Each structure stands twice: as structure tokens, then as C-alpha cells.
Amino acid sequence: ETCWYYSSSIVVNMYAINCEIKFKGNIHIAVQLFISKDIIIHHKLNFSLSPIQWNIQIHHDIPILLQQFKDKIDSFLKKKK
């Protein structure tokens, strides 16, 4: 899948998974771009950023486990009252 961006400013986190990112005009990403494997980035963007390699375990699995653990603690404390 190809995703086109036209002259704009992106001020959010952007996640790219198995796609090609192309740009027309001037693009500015103000925060972060997370990438996974199999990403093709337009040459205009390559010079202006340092992508953060997406690691599914660190960026997805572990936060989910931590949230589940917190929910269990909250549930336990609620029952204890």
C-alpha cells in the first residue's frame, strides 16, 4: 500500500507498517516516525529524519502486559475495600 502526503506539517506520532510513504511538496514531521520492516521511504524524507525502528515486543506487547497487570492490581484493590 502506498500513502501520499502533500505539503503539510505532521505534529503527531506516525506509525508505518508494511507500506511505502511518498511525499509531494514540503513535509515536516514534528514528533516521531516509527517504522517496521518492509518500509520504503521517499528520498525527500530520508534526509530529514532518523526513523525509530518499531519493535513489536517493546512498543506493543510489553505495554499491553503492563496495562493488564495494572488493571489486575486495581481490581484487587477495589475488591479488598
Protein backbone atom coordinates (compact mmCIF):
# COMPACT_ATOMS: atom_id res chain seq x y z
CA GLU A 1 0.00 0.00 0.00
CA THR A 2 1.26 3.48 -0.86
CA CYS A 3 0.48 6.51 1.27
CA TRP A 4 0.89 10.00 -0.27
CA TYR A 5 1.37 13.15 1.80
CA TYR A 6 1.20 16.63 0.29
CA SER A 7 2.65 19.88 1.63
CA SER A 8 1.84 19.78 5.32
CA SER A 9 3.12 19.65 8.83
CA ILE A 10 2.60 16.43 10.80
CA VAL A 11 2.60 17.09 14.55
CA VAL A 12 1.75 13.62 15.85
CA ASN A 13 3.44 10.26 16.15
CA MET A 14 3.28 8.43 12.84
CA TYR A 15 3.44 4.64 12.55
CA ALA A 16 4.34 2.99 9.23
CA ILE A 17 3.78 -0.75 8.81
CA ASN A 18 4.36 -2.63 5.53
CA CYS A 19 3.81 0.33 3.21
CA GLU A 20 5.50 2.89 1.01
CA ILE A 21 5.45 6.53 2.06
CA LYS A 22 5.69 9.18 -0.68
CA PHE A 23 5.68 12.97 -0.45
CA LYS A 24 4.88 15.89 -2.75
CA GLY A 25 5.87 19.34 -1.59
CA ASN A 26 7.46 20.13 1.75
CA ILE A 27 6.71 17.80 4.65
CA HIS A 28 7.70 18.38 8.25
CA ILE A 29 7.20 15.68 10.92
CA ALA A 30 7.44 17.44 14.27
CA VAL A 31 7.41 14.49 16.64
CA GLN A 32 8.28 10.89 15.71
CA LEU A 33 8.01 8.39 12.88
CA PHE A 34 8.04 4.73 13.95
CA ILE A 35 8.78 2.25 11.18
CA SER A 36 8.57 -1.53 10.89
CA LYS A 37 10.27 -3.84 8.42
CA ASP A 38 9.39 -3.62 4.72
CA ILE A 39 9.06 0.18 4.64
CA ILE A 40 10.03 2.29 1.65
CA ILE A 41 10.51 5.98 2.49
CA HIS A 42 10.53 8.68 -0.19
CA HIS A 43 14.00 10.16 -0.72
CA LYS A 44 12.83 13.67 0.31
CA LEU A 45 12.07 12.39 3.80
CA ASN A 46 15.16 10.21 4.17
CA PHE A 47 17.39 13.26 4.53
CA SER A 48 15.33 14.99 7.21
CA LEU A 49 14.74 12.35 9.89
CA SER A 50 16.10 9.46 11.86
CA PRO A 51 13.34 6.81 11.90
CA ILE A 52 12.76 4.80 15.08
CA GLN A 53 12.78 1.08 14.29
CA TRP A 54 9.48 -0.40 15.51
CA ASN A 55 9.95 -3.37 17.80
CA ILE A 56 6.60 -5.14 18.31
CA GLN A 57 7.61 -6.58 21.67
CA ILE A 58 8.86 -3.30 23.14
CA HIS A 59 6.29 -0.96 21.58
CA HIS A 60 3.19 -3.17 21.74
CA ASP A 61 3.40 -6.41 23.72
CA ILE A 62 5.12 -5.12 26.87
CA PRO A 63 2.85 -2.05 27.27
CA ILE A 64 -0.20 -4.35 26.90
CA LEU A 65 1.15 -6.68 29.60
CA LEU A 66 1.89 -3.74 31.90
CA GLN A 67 -1.64 -2.38 31.40
CA GLN A 68 -3.15 -5.81 32.15
CA PHE A 69 -1.03 -6.07 35.29
CA LYS A 70 -2.14 -2.59 36.42
CA ASP A 71 -5.79 -3.50 35.75
CA LYS A 72 -5.45 -6.65 37.89
CA ILE A 73 -3.90 -4.65 40.74
CA ASP A 74 -6.68 -2.04 40.52
CA SER A 75 -9.31 -4.79 40.51
CA PHE A 76 -7.73 -6.50 43.51
CA LEU A 77 -7.54 -3.24 45.48
CA LYS A 78 -11.15 -2.43 44.62
CA LYS A 79 -12.34 -5.85 45.86
CA LYS A 80 -10.27 -5.50 49.01
CA LYS A 81 -12.16 -2.33 50.06
